[in-house]
């Protein structure tokens, strides 16, 4: 994996976290979920850990709830960028 932790987090910030947080219909629950995700991402030690978090987050109950809430307002989600994220990580 040639991509850095910082590049992956910046990608997620630009494509998902910031647009969802700033969406006109974003409520307090969504903003809290985004802040928690952001804190968790920044605690991770490597690009490989960020990649692992990305894939596992979508499969958890909390991740599924986040998807439902965020997609429900029409904001971007991890699921929306998964192919681009996968390519960024050098996966086929």
PDB file of N, CA and C in Angstrom:
ATOM      1  N   UNK A   1       0.857  -1.179   0.000  1.00  0.00           N
ATOM      2  CA  UNK A   1       0.000   0.000   0.000  1.00  0.00           C
ATOM      3  C   UNK A   1       0.897   1.233   0.000  1.00  0.00           C
ATOM      4  N   UNK A   2       0.760   2.052  -1.029  1.00  0.00           N
ATOM      5  CA  UNK A   2       1.601   3.236  -1.154  1.00  0.00           C
ATOM      6  C   UNK A   2       0.939   4.498  -0.620  1.00  0.00           C
ATOM      7  N   UNK A   3      -0.342   4.440  -0.413  1.00  0.00           N
ATOM      8  CA  UNK A   3      -1.076   5.600   0.086  1.00  0.00           C
ATOM      9  C   UNK A   3      -0.821   5.753   1.591  1.00  0.00           C
ATOM     10  N   UNK A   4      -0.827   6.994   2.062  1.00  0.00           N
ATOM     11  CA  UNK A   4      -0.580   7.231   3.484  1.00  0.00           C
ATOM     12  C   UNK A   4      -1.894   7.320   4.262  1.00  0.00           C
ATOM     13  N   UNK A   5      -1.768   7.190   5.560  1.00  0.00           N
ATOM     14  CA  UNK A   5      -2.916   7.353   6.463  1.00  0.00           C
ATOM     15  C   UNK A   5      -3.561   8.719   6.227  1.00  0.00           C
ATOM     16  N   UNK A   6      -2.726   9.744   6.131  1.00  0.00           N
ATOM     17  CA  UNK A   6      -3.222  11.107   5.961  1.00  0.00           C
ATOM     18  C   UNK A   6      -3.987  11.272   4.649  1.00  0.00           C
ATOM     19  N   UNK A   7      -3.493  10.638   3.585  1.00  0.00           N
ATOM     20  CA  UNK A   7      -4.180  10.724   2.289  1.00  0.00           C
ATOM     21  C   UNK A   7      -5.550  10.053   2.345  1.00  0.00           C
ATOM     22  N   UNK A   8      -5.627   8.916   3.015  1.00  0.00           N
ATOM     23  CA  UNK A   8      -6.911   8.218   3.129  1.00  0.00           C
ATOM     24  C   UNK A   8      -7.902   9.026   3.957  1.00  0.00           C
ATOM     25  N   UNK A   9      -7.431   9.572   5.065  1.00  0.00           N
ATOM     26  CA  UNK A   9      -8.318  10.379   5.911  1.00  0.00           C
ATOM     27  C   UNK A   9      -8.762  11.637   5.163  1.00  0.00           C
ATOM     28  N   UNK A  10      -7.856  12.271   4.445  1.00  0.00           N
ATOM     29  CA  UNK A  10      -8.216  13.461   3.657  1.00  0.00           C
ATOM     30  C   UNK A  10      -9.262  13.123   2.606  1.00  0.00           C
ATOM     31  N   UNK A  11      -9.105  11.973   1.968  1.00  0.00           N
ATOM     32  CA  UNK A  11     -10.082  11.517   0.979  1.00  0.00           C
ATOM     33  C   UNK A  11     -11.457  11.370   1.624  1.00  0.00           C
ATOM     34  N   UNK A  12     -11.514  10.692   2.776  1.00  0.00           N
ATOM     35  CA  UNK A  12     -12.794  10.486   3.459  1.00  0.00           C
ATOM     36  C   UNK A  12     -13.382  11.804   3.953  1.00  0.00           C
ATOM     37  N   UNK A  13     -12.529  12.700   4.414  1.00  0.00           N
ATOM     38  CA  UNK A  13     -13.000  14.031   4.834  1.00  0.00           C
ATOM     39  C   UNK A  13     -13.648  14.758   3.659  1.00  0.00           C
ATOM     40  N   UNK A  14     -12.942  14.782   2.531  1.00  0.00           N
ATOM     41  CA  UNK A  14     -13.403  15.530   1.360  1.00  0.00           C
ATOM     42  C   UNK A  14     -14.655  14.924   0.732  1.00  0.00           C
ATOM     43  N   UNK A  15     -14.696  13.597   0.650  1.00  0.00           N
ATOM     44  CA  UNK A  15     -15.772  12.926  -0.083  1.00  0.00           C
ATOM     45  C   UNK A  15     -16.996  12.597   0.765  1.00  0.00           C
ATOM     46  N   UNK A  16     -16.785  12.386   2.085  1.00  0.00           N
ATOM     47  CA  UNK A  16     -17.893  11.906   2.915  1.00  0.00           C
ATOM     48  C   UNK A  16     -18.120  12.760   4.163  1.00  0.00           C
ATOM     49  N   UNK A  17     -17.133  12.844   5.025  1.00  0.00           N
ATOM     50  CA  UNK A  17     -17.355  13.432   6.348  1.00  0.00           C
ATOM     51  C   UNK A  17     -17.773  14.905   6.297  1.00  0.00           C
ATOM     52  N   UNK A  18     -16.993  15.733   5.626  1.00  0.00           N
ATOM     53  CA  UNK A  18     -17.318  17.160   5.574  1.00  0.00           C
ATOM     54  C   UNK A  18     -18.626  17.429   4.827  1.00  0.00           C
ATOM     55  N   UNK A  19     -18.834  16.832   3.638  1.00  0.00           N
ATOM     56  CA  UNK A  19     -20.121  17.072   2.964  1.00  0.00           C
ATOM     57  C   UNK A  19     -21.332  16.619   3.790  1.00  0.00           C
ATOM     58  N   UNK A  20     -21.216  15.492   4.475  1.00  0.00           N
ATOM     59  CA  UNK A  20     -22.340  15.009   5.287  1.00  0.00           C
ATOM     60  C   UNK A  20     -22.557  15.917   6.501  1.00  0.00           C
ATOM     61  N   UNK A  21     -21.473  16.317   7.129  1.00  0.00           N
ATOM     62  CA  UNK A  21     -21.571  17.183   8.306  1.00  0.00           C
ATOM     63  C   UNK A  21     -22.173  18.548   7.949  1.00  0.00           C
ATOM     64  N   UNK A  22     -21.823  19.066   6.788  1.00  0.00           N
ATOM     65  CA  UNK A  22     -22.284  20.395   6.376  1.00  0.00           C
ATOM     66  C   UNK A  22     -23.576  20.363   5.560  1.00  0.00           C
ATOM     67  N   UNK A  23     -24.123  19.189   5.361  1.00  0.00           N
ATOM     68  CA  UNK A  23     -25.367  19.065   4.593  1.00  0.00           C
ATOM     69  C   UNK A  23     -26.473  19.841   5.311  1.00  0.00           C
ATOM     70  N   UNK A  24     -27.309  20.562   4.565  1.00  0.00           N
ATOM     71  CA  UNK A  24     -28.372  21.361   5.208  1.00  0.00           C
ATOM     72  C   UNK A  24     -29.327  20.549   6.090  1.00  0.00           C
ATOM     73  N   UNK A  25     -29.489  19.272   5.798  1.00  0.00           N
ATOM     74  CA  UNK A  25     -30.401  18.440   6.595  1.00  0.00           C
ATOM     75  C   UNK A  25     -29.683  17.643   7.685  1.00  0.00           C
ATOM     76  N   UNK A  26     -28.387  17.864   7.843  1.00  0.00           N
ATOM     77  CA  UNK A  26     -27.623  17.150   8.867  1.00  0.00           C
ATOM     78  C   UNK A  26     -28.085  17.596  10.253  1.00  0.00           C
ATOM     79  N   UNK A  27     -28.470  16.624  11.080  1.00  0.00           N
ATOM     80  CA  UNK A  27     -28.939  16.953  12.430  1.00  0.00           C
ATOM     81  C   UNK A  27     -27.858  16.632  13.464  1.00  0.00           C
ATOM     82  N   UNK A  28     -28.168  16.848  14.717  1.00  0.00           N
ATOM     83  CA  UNK A  28     -27.195  16.645  15.789  1.00  0.00           C
ATOM     84  C   UNK A  28     -26.705  15.200  15.845  1.00  0.00           C
ATOM     85  N   UNK A  29     -27.577  14.240  15.643  1.00  0.00           N
ATOM     86  CA  UNK A  29     -27.185  12.826  15.666  1.00  0.00           C
ATOM     87  C   UNK A  29     -26.160  12.534  14.576  1.00  0.00           C
ATOM     88  N   UNK A  30     -26.414  13.010  13.384  1.00  0.00           N
ATOM     89  CA  UNK A  30     -25.483  12.792  12.270  1.00  0.00           C
ATOM     90  C   UNK A  30     -24.152  13.477  12.556  1.00  0.00           C
ATOM     91  N   UNK A  31     -24.200  14.699  13.036  1.00  0.00           N
ATOM     92  CA  UNK A  31     -22.968  15.433  13.345  1.00  0.00           C
ATOM     93  C   UNK A  31     -22.153  14.706  14.418  1.00  0.00           C
ATOM     94  N   UNK A  32     -22.820  14.141  15.409  1.00  0.00           N
ATOM     95  CA  UNK A  32     -22.114  13.380  16.453  1.00  0.00           C
ATOM     96  C   UNK A  32     -21.468  12.127  15.874  1.00  0.00           C
ATOM     97  N   UNK A  33     -22.188  11.430  15.005  1.00  0.00           N
ATOM     98  CA  UNK A  33     -21.643  10.231  14.373  1.00  0.00           C
ATOM     99  C   UNK A  33     -20.405  10.578  13.546  1.00  0.00           C
ATOM    100  N   UNK A  34     -20.460  11.676  12.834  1.00  0.00           N
ATOM    101  CA  UNK A  34     -19.326  12.100  12.013  1.00  0.00           C
ATOM    102  C   UNK A  34     -18.143  12.479  12.891  1.00  0.00           C
ATOM    103  N   UNK A  35     -18.389  13.213  13.958  1.00  0.00           N
ATOM    104  CA  UNK A  35     -17.297  13.577  14.875  1.00  0.00           C
ATOM    105  C   UNK A  35     -16.660  12.339  15.485  1.00  0.00           C
ATOM    106  N   UNK A  36     -17.471  11.362  15.874  1.00  0.00           N
ATOM    107  CA  UNK A  36     -16.939  10.122  16.454  1.00  0.00           C
ATOM    108  C   UNK A  36     -16.103   9.358  15.425  1.00  0.00           C
ATOM    109  N   UNK A  37     -16.580   9.317  14.190  1.00  0.00           N
ATOM    110  CA  UNK A  37     -15.827   8.647  13.128  1.00  0.00           C
ATOM    111  C   UNK A  37     -14.508   9.361  12.887  1.00  0.00           C
ATOM    112  N   UNK A  38     -14.547  10.669  12.844  1.00  0.00           N
ATOM    113  CA  UNK A  38     -13.341  11.474  12.623  1.00  0.00           C
ATOM    114  C   UNK A  38     -12.315  11.228  13.737  1.00  0.00           C
ATOM    115  N   UNK A  39     -12.773  11.217  14.987  1.00  0.00           N
ATOM    116  CA  UNK A  39     -11.858  10.975  16.114  1.00  0.00           C
ATOM    117  C   UNK A  39     -11.238   9.588  16.008  1.00  0.00           C
ATOM    118  N   UNK A  40     -12.051   8.607  15.687  1.00  0.00           N
ATOM    119  CA  UNK A  40     -11.563   7.230  15.555  1.00  0.00           C
ATOM    120  C   UNK A  40     -10.526   7.126  14.436  1.00  0.00           C
ATOM    121  N   UNK A  41     -10.808   7.713  13.293  1.00  0.00           N
ATOM    122  CA  UNK A  41      -9.861   7.673  12.176  1.00  0.00           C
ATOM    123  C   UNK A  41      -8.522   8.286  12.569  1.00  0.00           C
ATOM    124  N   UNK A  42      -8.562   9.405  13.265  1.00  0.00           N
ATOM    125  CA  UNK A  42      -7.324  10.086  13.634  1.00  0.00           C
ATOM    126  C   UNK A  42      -6.524   9.344  14.697  1.00  0.00           C
ATOM    127  N   UNK A  43      -7.166   8.437  15.422  1.00  0.00           N
ATOM    128  CA  UNK A  43      -6.455   7.629  16.417  1.00  0.00           C
ATOM    129  C   UNK A  43      -5.719   6.449  15.782  1.00  0.00           C
ATOM    130  N   UNK A  44      -6.108   6.081  14.584  1.00  0.00           N
ATOM    131  CA  UNK A  44      -5.505   4.924  13.928  1.00  0.00           C
ATOM    132  C   UNK A  44      -4.066   5.236  13.540  1.00  0.00           C
ATOM    133  N   UNK A  45      -3.212   4.214  13.576  1.00  0.00           N
ATOM    134  CA  UNK A  45      -1.771   4.423  13.437  1.00  0.00           C
ATOM    135  C   UNK A  45      -1.229   4.299  12.019  1.00  0.00           C
ATOM    136  N   UNK A  46      -1.992   3.733  11.085  1.00  0.00           N
ATOM    137  CA  UNK A  46      -1.441   3.503   9.750  1.00  0.00           C
ATOM    138  C   UNK A  46      -2.539   3.510   8.693  1.00  0.00           C
ATOM    139  N   UNK A  47      -2.117   3.596   7.443  1.00  0.00           N
ATOM    140  CA  UNK A  47      -3.060   3.525   6.322  1.00  0.00           C
ATOM    141  C   UNK A  47      -3.776   2.180   6.326  1.00  0.00           C
ATOM    142  N   UNK A  48      -3.067   1.131   6.661  1.00  0.00           N
ATOM    143  CA  UNK A  48      -3.674  -0.200   6.702  1.00  0.00           C
ATOM    144  C   UNK A  48      -4.790  -0.253   7.748  1.00  0.00           C
ATOM    145  N   UNK A  49      -4.579   0.390   8.886  1.00  0.00           N
ATOM    146  CA  UNK A  49      -5.610   0.435   9.933  1.00  0.00           C
ATOM    147  C   UNK A  49      -6.816   1.264   9.478  1.00  0.00           C
ATOM    148  N   UNK A  50      -6.556   2.364   8.762  1.00  0.00           N
ATOM    149  CA  UNK A  50      -7.655   3.184   8.240  1.00  0.00           C
ATOM    150  C   UNK A  50      -8.469   2.362   7.244  1.00  0.00           C
ATOM    151  N   UNK A  51      -7.776   1.632   6.377  1.00  0.00           N
ATOM    152  CA  UNK A  51      -8.470   0.784   5.412  1.00  0.00           C
ATOM    153  C   UNK A  51      -9.321  -0.266   6.127  1.00  0.00           C
ATOM    154  N   UNK A  52      -8.763  -0.909   7.130  1.00  0.00           N
ATOM    155  CA  UNK A  52      -9.515  -1.909   7.887  1.00  0.00           C
ATOM    156  C   UNK A  52     -10.737  -1.314   8.560  1.00  0.00           C
ATOM    157  N   UNK A  53     -10.570  -0.132   9.147  1.00  0.00           N
ATOM    158  CA  UNK A  53     -11.695   0.546   9.794  1.00  0.00           C
ATOM    159  C   UNK A  53     -12.787   0.855   8.778  1.00  0.00           C
ATOM    160  N   UNK A  54     -12.392   1.362   7.615  1.00  0.00           N
ATOM    161  CA  UNK A  54     -13.353   1.711   6.566  1.00  0.00           C
ATOM    162  C   UNK A  54     -14.240   0.517   6.231  1.00  0.00           C
ATOM    163  N   UNK A  55     -13.625  -0.624   5.956  1.00  0.00           N
ATOM    164  CA  UNK A  55     -14.405  -1.802   5.548  1.00  0.00           C
ATOM    165  C   UNK A  55     -15.223  -2.367   6.703  1.00  0.00           C
ATOM    166  N   UNK A  56     -14.676  -2.395   7.899  1.00  0.00           N
ATOM    167  CA  UNK A  56     -15.420  -2.976   9.021  1.00  0.00           C
ATOM    168  C   UNK A  56     -16.545  -2.055   9.492  1.00  0.00           C
ATOM    169  N   UNK A  57     -16.353  -0.742   9.362  1.00  0.00           N
ATOM    170  CA  UNK A  57     -17.368   0.209   9.828  1.00  0.00           C
ATOM    171  C   UNK A  57     -18.694   0.019   9.103  1.00  0.00           C
ATOM    172  N   UNK A  58     -18.641  -0.347   7.847  1.00  0.00           N
ATOM    173  CA  UNK A  58     -19.881  -0.509   7.079  1.00  0.00           C
ATOM    174  C   UNK A  58     -20.677  -1.730   7.515  1.00  0.00           C
ATOM    175  N   UNK A  59     -20.018  -2.674   8.173  1.00  0.00           N
ATOM    176  CA  UNK A  59     -20.678  -3.934   8.532  1.00  0.00           C
ATOM    177  C   UNK A  59     -21.215  -3.960   9.960  1.00  0.00           C
ATOM    178  N   UNK A  60     -20.884  -2.943  10.760  1.00  0.00           N
ATOM    179  CA  UNK A  60     -21.345  -2.931  12.149  1.00  0.00           C
ATOM    180  C   UNK A  60     -22.765  -2.375  12.235  1.00  0.00           C
ATOM    181  N   UNK A  61     -23.434  -2.668  13.336  1.00  0.00           N
ATOM    182  CA  UNK A  61     -24.778  -2.113  13.551  1.00  0.00           C
ATOM    183  C   UNK A  61     -24.745  -0.586  13.534  1.00  0.00           C
ATOM    184  N   UNK A  62     -23.716  -0.015  14.177  1.00  0.00           N
ATOM    185  CA  UNK A  62     -23.581   1.439  14.211  1.00  0.00           C
ATOM    186  C   UNK A  62     -23.345   1.989  12.805  1.00  0.00           C
ATOM    187  N   UNK A  63     -22.513   1.298  12.032  1.00  0.00           N
ATOM    188  CA  UNK A  63     -22.245   1.720  10.661  1.00  0.00           C
ATOM    189  C   UNK A  63     -23.482   1.653   9.786  1.00  0.00           C
ATOM    190  N   UNK A  64     -24.268   0.611   9.967  1.00  0.00           N
ATOM    191  CA  UNK A  64     -25.510   0.456   9.202  1.00  0.00           C
ATOM    192  C   UNK A  64     -26.491   1.567   9.576  1.00  0.00           C
ATOM    193  N   UNK A  65     -26.558   1.887  10.871  1.00  0.00           N
ATOM    194  CA  UNK A  65     -27.416   2.982  11.330  1.00  0.00           C
ATOM    195  C   UNK A  65     -26.937   4.320  10.757  1.00  0.00           C
ATOM    196  N   UNK A  66     -25.621   4.526  10.755  1.00  0.00           N
ATOM    197  CA  UNK A  66     -25.066   5.759  10.186  1.00  0.00           C
ATOM    198  C   UNK A  66     -25.415   5.867   8.710  1.00  0.00           C
ATOM    199  N   UNK A  67     -25.261   4.765   7.990  1.00  0.00           N
ATOM    200  CA  UNK A  67     -25.603   4.758   6.563  1.00  0.00           C
ATOM    201  C   UNK A  67     -27.066   5.158   6.353  1.00  0.00           C
ATOM    202  N   UNK A  68     -27.953   4.563   7.138  1.00  0.00           N
ATOM    203  CA  UNK A  68     -29.384   4.850   6.989  1.00  0.00           C
ATOM    204  C   UNK A  68     -29.677   6.326   7.245  1.00  0.00           C
ATOM    205  N   UNK A  69     -29.090   6.870   8.300  1.00  0.00           N
ATOM    206  CA  UNK A  69     -29.351   8.265   8.652  1.00  0.00           C
ATOM    207  C   UNK A  69     -28.741   9.230   7.630  1.00  0.00           C
ATOM    208  N   UNK A  70     -27.496   8.977   7.247  1.00  0.00           N
ATOM    209  CA  UNK A  70     -26.798   9.901   6.351  1.00  0.00           C
ATOM    210  C   UNK A  70     -27.338   9.806   4.926  1.00  0.00           C
ATOM    211  N   UNK A  71     -27.558   8.599   4.447  1.00  0.00           N
ATOM    212  CA  UNK A  71     -28.106   8.467   3.087  1.00  0.00           C
ATOM    213  C   UNK A  71     -29.550   8.974   3.047  1.00  0.00           C
ATOM    214  N   UNK A  72     -30.227   8.888   4.184  1.00  0.00           N
ATOM    215  CA  UNK A  72     -31.606   9.365   4.267  1.00  0.00           C
ATOM    216  C   UNK A  72     -31.761  10.859   4.026  1.00  0.00           C
ATOM    217  N   UNK A  73     -30.695  11.613   4.275  1.00  0.00           N
ATOM    218  CA  UNK A  73     -30.755  13.059   4.004  1.00  0.00           C
ATOM    219  C   UNK A  73     -30.131  13.393   2.649  1.00  0.00           C
ATOM    220  N   UNK A  74     -29.637  12.369   1.964  1.00  0.00           N
ATOM    221  CA  UNK A  74     -29.046  12.587   0.648  1.00  0.00           C
ATOM    222  C   UNK A  74     -27.579  12.966   0.669  1.00  0.00           C
ATOM    223  N   UNK A  75     -26.918  12.758   1.802  1.00  0.00           N
ATOM    224  CA  UNK A  75     -25.496  13.067   1.912  1.00  0.00           C
ATOM    225  C   UNK A  75     -24.671  11.833   1.532  1.00  0.00           C
ATOM    226  N   UNK A  76     -23.404  12.031   1.157  1.00  0.00           N
ATOM    227  CA  UNK A  76     -22.556  10.900   0.771  1.00  0.00           C
ATOM    228  C   UNK A  76     -22.181  10.030   1.970  1.00  0.00           C
ATOM    229  N   UNK A  77     -21.975   8.748   1.690  1.00  0.00           N
ATOM    230  CA  UNK A  77     -21.618   7.768   2.720  1.00  0.00           C
ATOM    231  C   UNK A  77     -20.368   6.999   2.306  1.00  0.00           C
ATOM    232  N   UNK A  78     -19.810   6.229   3.245  1.00  0.00           N
ATOM    233  CA  UNK A  78     -18.680   5.352   2.922  1.00  0.00           C
ATOM    234  C   UNK A  78     -19.043   4.439   1.751  1.00  0.00           C
ATOM    235  N   UNK A  79     -20.263   3.939   1.765  1.00  0.00           N
ATOM    236  CA  UNK A  79     -20.699   3.015   0.713  1.00  0.00           C
ATOM    237  C   UNK A  79     -20.619   3.664  -0.667  1.00  0.00           C
ATOM    238  N   UNK A  80     -20.885   4.944  -0.732  1.00  0.00           N
ATOM    239  CA  UNK A  80     -20.862   5.662  -2.008  1.00  0.00           C
ATOM    240  C   UNK A  80     -19.459   5.776  -2.602  1.00  0.00           C
ATOM    241  N   UNK A  81     -18.446   5.759  -1.760  1.00  0.00           N
ATOM    242  CA  UNK A  81     -17.069   5.968  -2.243  1.00  0.00           C
ATOM    243  C   UNK A  81     -16.223   4.705  -2.163  1.00  0.00           C
ATOM    244  N   UNK A  82     -16.843   3.562  -1.904  1.00  0.00           N
ATOM    245  CA  UNK A  82     -16.056   2.350  -1.656  1.00  0.00           C
ATOM    246  C   UNK A  82     -15.179   1.935  -2.832  1.00  0.00           C
ATOM    247  N   UNK A  83     -15.640   2.093  -4.066  1.00  0.00           N
ATOM    248  CA  UNK A  83     -14.821   1.693  -5.217  1.00  0.00           C
ATOM    249  C   UNK A  83     -13.610   2.615  -5.351  1.00  0.00           C
ATOM    250  N   UNK A  84     -13.841   3.910  -5.219  1.00  0.00           N
ATOM    251  CA  UNK A  84     -12.736   4.867  -5.290  1.00  0.00           C
ATOM    252  C   UNK A  84     -11.750   4.662  -4.134  1.00  0.00           C
ATOM    253  N   UNK A  85     -12.275   4.379  -2.941  1.00  0.00           N
ATOM    254  CA  UNK A  85     -11.424   4.120  -1.778  1.00  0.00           C
ATOM    255  C   UNK A  85     -10.582   2.866  -2.010  1.00  0.00           C
ATOM    256  N   UNK A  86     -11.215   1.827  -2.506  1.00  0.00           N
ATOM    257  CA  UNK A  86     -10.520   0.566  -2.795  1.00  0.00           C
ATOM    258  C   UNK A  86      -9.378   0.809  -3.780  1.00  0.00           C
ATOM    259  N   UNK A  87      -9.633   1.570  -4.831  1.00  0.00           N
ATOM    260  CA  UNK A  87      -8.592   1.889  -5.813  1.00  0.00           C
ATOM    261  C   UNK A  87      -7.470   2.698  -5.181  1.00  0.00           C
ATOM    262  N   UNK A  88      -7.825   3.645  -4.326  1.00  0.00           N
ATOM    263  CA  UNK A  88      -6.830   4.466  -3.641  1.00  0.00           C
ATOM    264  C   UNK A  88      -5.897   3.601  -2.795  1.00  0.00           C
ATOM    265  N   UNK A  89      -6.447   2.528  -2.240  1.00  0.00           N
ATOM    266  CA  UNK A  89      -5.658   1.610  -1.409  1.00  0.00           C
ATOM    267  C   UNK A  89      -4.846   0.626  -2.252  1.00  0.00           C
ATOM    268  N   UNK A  90      -5.018   0.681  -3.563  1.00  0.00           N
ATOM    269  CA  UNK A  90      -4.273  -0.213  -4.445  1.00  0.00           C
ATOM    270  C   UNK A  90      -4.863  -1.600  -4.553  1.00  0.00           C
ATOM    271  N   UNK A  91      -6.128  -1.736  -4.195  1.00  0.00           N
ATOM    272  CA  UNK A  91      -6.810  -3.035  -4.284  1.00  0.00           C
ATOM    273  C   UNK A  91      -7.536  -3.132  -5.611  1.00  0.00           C
ATOM    274  N   UNK A  92      -7.658  -4.350  -6.105  1.00  0.00           N
ATOM    275  CA  UNK A  92      -8.374  -4.554  -7.382  1.00  0.00           C
ATOM    276  C   UNK A  92      -9.743  -5.121  -7.154  1.00  0.00           C
TER     277      UNK A  92
END
